[in-house]
Amino acid sequence: MWLIAPQPVVRASNSVFHCLRRICDGYIDGAAVSSPEDRARWEARGKAAAKMRMLMRDDLGVGPLIERRSPLLDDPNTPAAE
């Protein structure tokens, strides 16, 4: 990314990386899988990744993609799915 992607894509990919880092750090700090904090971090990662995909597709000139959702977010028992 850093070698050939335009600056908005680089920034978006960094955002995804930092979201993943926060997920890992949360587990290190003792957050339970599927806890409200964990789900919020995964939701943020999903939004950041969707933005990155949109910017990458725009840069490639291939048009929008129908957004796919995580099975976790499609679960009606998931607070983030509401």
C-alpha atoms as a PDB file:
ATOM      1  CA  MET A   1       0.000   0.000   0.000  1.00  0.00           C
ATOM      2  CA  TRP A   2       2.673   2.459   1.009  1.00  0.00           C
ATOM      3  CA  LEU A   3       4.479   2.029  -2.298  1.00  0.00           C
ATOM      4  CA  ILE A   4       1.729   2.595  -4.848  1.00  0.00           C
ATOM      5  CA  ALA A   5      -1.606   3.452  -3.214  1.00  0.00           C
ATOM      6  CA  PRO A   6      -2.849   7.037  -3.136  1.00  0.00           C
ATOM      7  CA  GLN A   7      -2.795   8.811   0.222  1.00  0.00           C
ATOM      8  CA  PRO A   8      -6.511   8.256   1.062  1.00  0.00           C
ATOM      9  CA  VAL A   9      -6.080   4.489   0.628  1.00  0.00           C
ATOM     10  CA  VAL A  10      -2.914   4.494   2.737  1.00  0.00           C
ATOM     11  CA  ARG A  11      -4.725   6.393   5.507  1.00  0.00           C
ATOM     12  CA  ALA A  12      -7.680   4.002   5.324  1.00  0.00           C
ATOM     13  CA  SER A  13      -5.433   0.936   5.495  1.00  0.00           C
ATOM     14  CA  ASN A  14      -3.672   2.423   8.527  1.00  0.00           C
ATOM     15  CA  SER A  15      -7.062   2.899  10.146  1.00  0.00           C
ATOM     16  CA  VAL A  16      -7.901  -0.780   9.610  1.00  0.00           C
ATOM     17  CA  PHE A  17      -4.544  -1.787  11.067  1.00  0.00           C
ATOM     18  CA  HIS A  18      -5.118   0.351  14.166  1.00  0.00           C
ATOM     19  CA  CYS A  19      -8.596  -1.129  14.616  1.00  0.00           C
ATOM     20  CA  LEU A  20      -7.085  -4.623  14.533  1.00  0.00           C
ATOM     21  CA  ARG A  21      -4.423  -3.500  16.994  1.00  0.00           C
ATOM     22  CA  ARG A  22      -7.142  -2.247  19.381  1.00  0.00           C
ATOM     23  CA  ILE A  23      -8.899  -5.627  19.111  1.00  0.00           C
ATOM     24  CA  CYS A  24      -5.683  -7.463  19.998  1.00  0.00           C
ATOM     25  CA  ASP A  25      -4.865  -5.040  22.793  1.00  0.00           C
ATOM     26  CA  GLY A  26      -8.368  -5.472  24.166  1.00  0.00           C
ATOM     27  CA  TYR A  27      -7.862  -9.226  24.420  1.00  0.00           C
ATOM     28  CA  ILE A  28      -4.474  -8.702  26.070  1.00  0.00           C
ATOM     29  CA  ASP A  29      -6.165  -6.387  28.579  1.00  0.00           C
ATOM     30  CA  GLY A  30      -8.737  -9.082  29.371  1.00  0.00           C
ATOM     31  CA  ALA A  31     -11.741  -8.172  27.234  1.00  0.00           C
ATOM     32  CA  ALA A  32     -13.995 -11.173  26.730  1.00  0.00           C
ATOM     33  CA  VAL A  33     -14.766 -12.339  23.209  1.00  0.00           C
ATOM     34  CA  SER A  34     -18.214 -11.030  22.210  1.00  0.00           C
ATOM     35  CA  SER A  35     -18.308  -8.598  25.140  1.00  0.00           C
ATOM     36  CA  PRO A  36     -19.832  -5.197  24.352  1.00  0.00           C
ATOM     37  CA  GLU A  37     -16.327  -3.698  24.118  1.00  0.00           C
ATOM     38  CA  ASP A  38     -15.158  -6.468  21.787  1.00  0.00           C
ATOM     39  CA  ARG A  39     -18.190  -6.126  19.536  1.00  0.00           C
ATOM     40  CA  ALA A  40     -17.710  -2.349  19.372  1.00  0.00           C
ATOM     41  CA  ARG A  41     -14.085  -2.810  18.313  1.00  0.00           C
ATOM     42  CA  TRP A  42     -15.103  -5.315  15.619  1.00  0.00           C
ATOM     43  CA  GLU A  43     -17.839  -2.962  14.413  1.00  0.00           C
ATOM     44  CA  ALA A  44     -15.275  -0.152  14.101  1.00  0.00           C
ATOM     45  CA  ARG A  45     -12.969  -2.494  12.179  1.00  0.00           C
ATOM     46  CA  GLY A  46     -15.806  -3.423   9.829  1.00  0.00           C
ATOM     47  CA  LYS A  47     -16.600   0.213   9.098  1.00  0.00           C
ATOM     48  CA  ALA A  48     -12.927   1.049   8.553  1.00  0.00           C
ATOM     49  CA  ALA A  49     -12.489  -1.927   6.212  1.00  0.00           C
ATOM     50  CA  ALA A  50     -15.612  -0.979   4.240  1.00  0.00           C
ATOM     51  CA  LYS A  51     -14.245   2.539   3.778  1.00  0.00           C
ATOM     52  CA  MET A  52     -10.877   1.155   2.681  1.00  0.00           C
ATOM     53  CA  ARG A  53     -12.533  -1.181   0.151  1.00  0.00           C
ATOM     54  CA  MET A  54     -14.596   1.699  -1.245  1.00  0.00           C
ATOM     55  CA  LEU A  55     -11.499   3.894  -1.644  1.00  0.00           C
ATOM     56  CA  MET A  56      -9.501   1.061  -3.210  1.00  0.00           C
ATOM     57  CA  ARG A  57     -12.257   0.232  -5.709  1.00  0.00           C
ATOM     58  CA  ASP A  58     -12.646   3.922  -6.544  1.00  0.00           C
ATOM     59  CA  ASP A  59      -8.899   4.205  -7.141  1.00  0.00           C
ATOM     60  CA  LEU A  60      -9.043   1.163  -9.432  1.00  0.00           C
ATOM     61  CA  GLY A  61     -12.063   2.563 -11.250  1.00  0.00           C
ATOM     62  CA  VAL A  62     -14.136  -0.589 -10.807  1.00  0.00           C
ATOM     63  CA  GLY A  63     -17.183   0.963  -9.136  1.00  0.00           C
ATOM     64  CA  PRO A  64     -18.955   0.204  -5.902  1.00  0.00           C
ATOM     65  CA  LEU A  65     -19.374  -3.240  -4.413  1.00  0.00           C
ATOM     66  CA  ILE A  66     -22.513  -4.375  -2.647  1.00  0.00           C
ATOM     67  CA  GLU A  67     -21.357  -4.381   0.963  1.00  0.00           C
ATOM     68  CA  ARG A  68     -21.079  -7.773   2.622  1.00  0.00           C
ATOM     69  CA  ARG A  69     -21.661  -7.961   6.322  1.00  0.00           C
ATOM     70  CA  SER A  70     -19.992 -10.075   8.914  1.00  0.00           C
ATOM     71  CA  PRO A  71     -22.055 -13.034  10.194  1.00  0.00           C
ATOM     72  CA  LEU A  72     -21.466 -11.592  13.663  1.00  0.00           C
ATOM     73  CA  LEU A  73     -23.222  -8.392  12.661  1.00  0.00           C
ATOM     74  CA  ASP A  74     -26.075 -10.304  10.999  1.00  0.00           C
ATOM     75  CA  ASP A  75     -26.825 -12.122  14.245  1.00  0.00           C
ATOM     76  CA  PRO A  76     -30.010 -10.566  15.694  1.00  0.00           C
ATOM     77  CA  ASN A  77     -28.678 -11.300  19.194  1.00  0.00           C
ATOM     78  CA  THR A  78     -25.715  -8.999  18.562  1.00  0.00           C
ATOM     79  CA  PRO A  79     -26.243  -5.504  20.027  1.00  0.00           C
ATOM     80  CA  ALA A  80     -24.312  -3.953  17.104  1.00  0.00           C
ATOM     81  CA  ALA A  81     -26.786  -5.534  14.651  1.00  0.00           C
ATOM     82  CA  GLU A  82     -29.682  -3.456  16.001  1.00  0.00           C
END
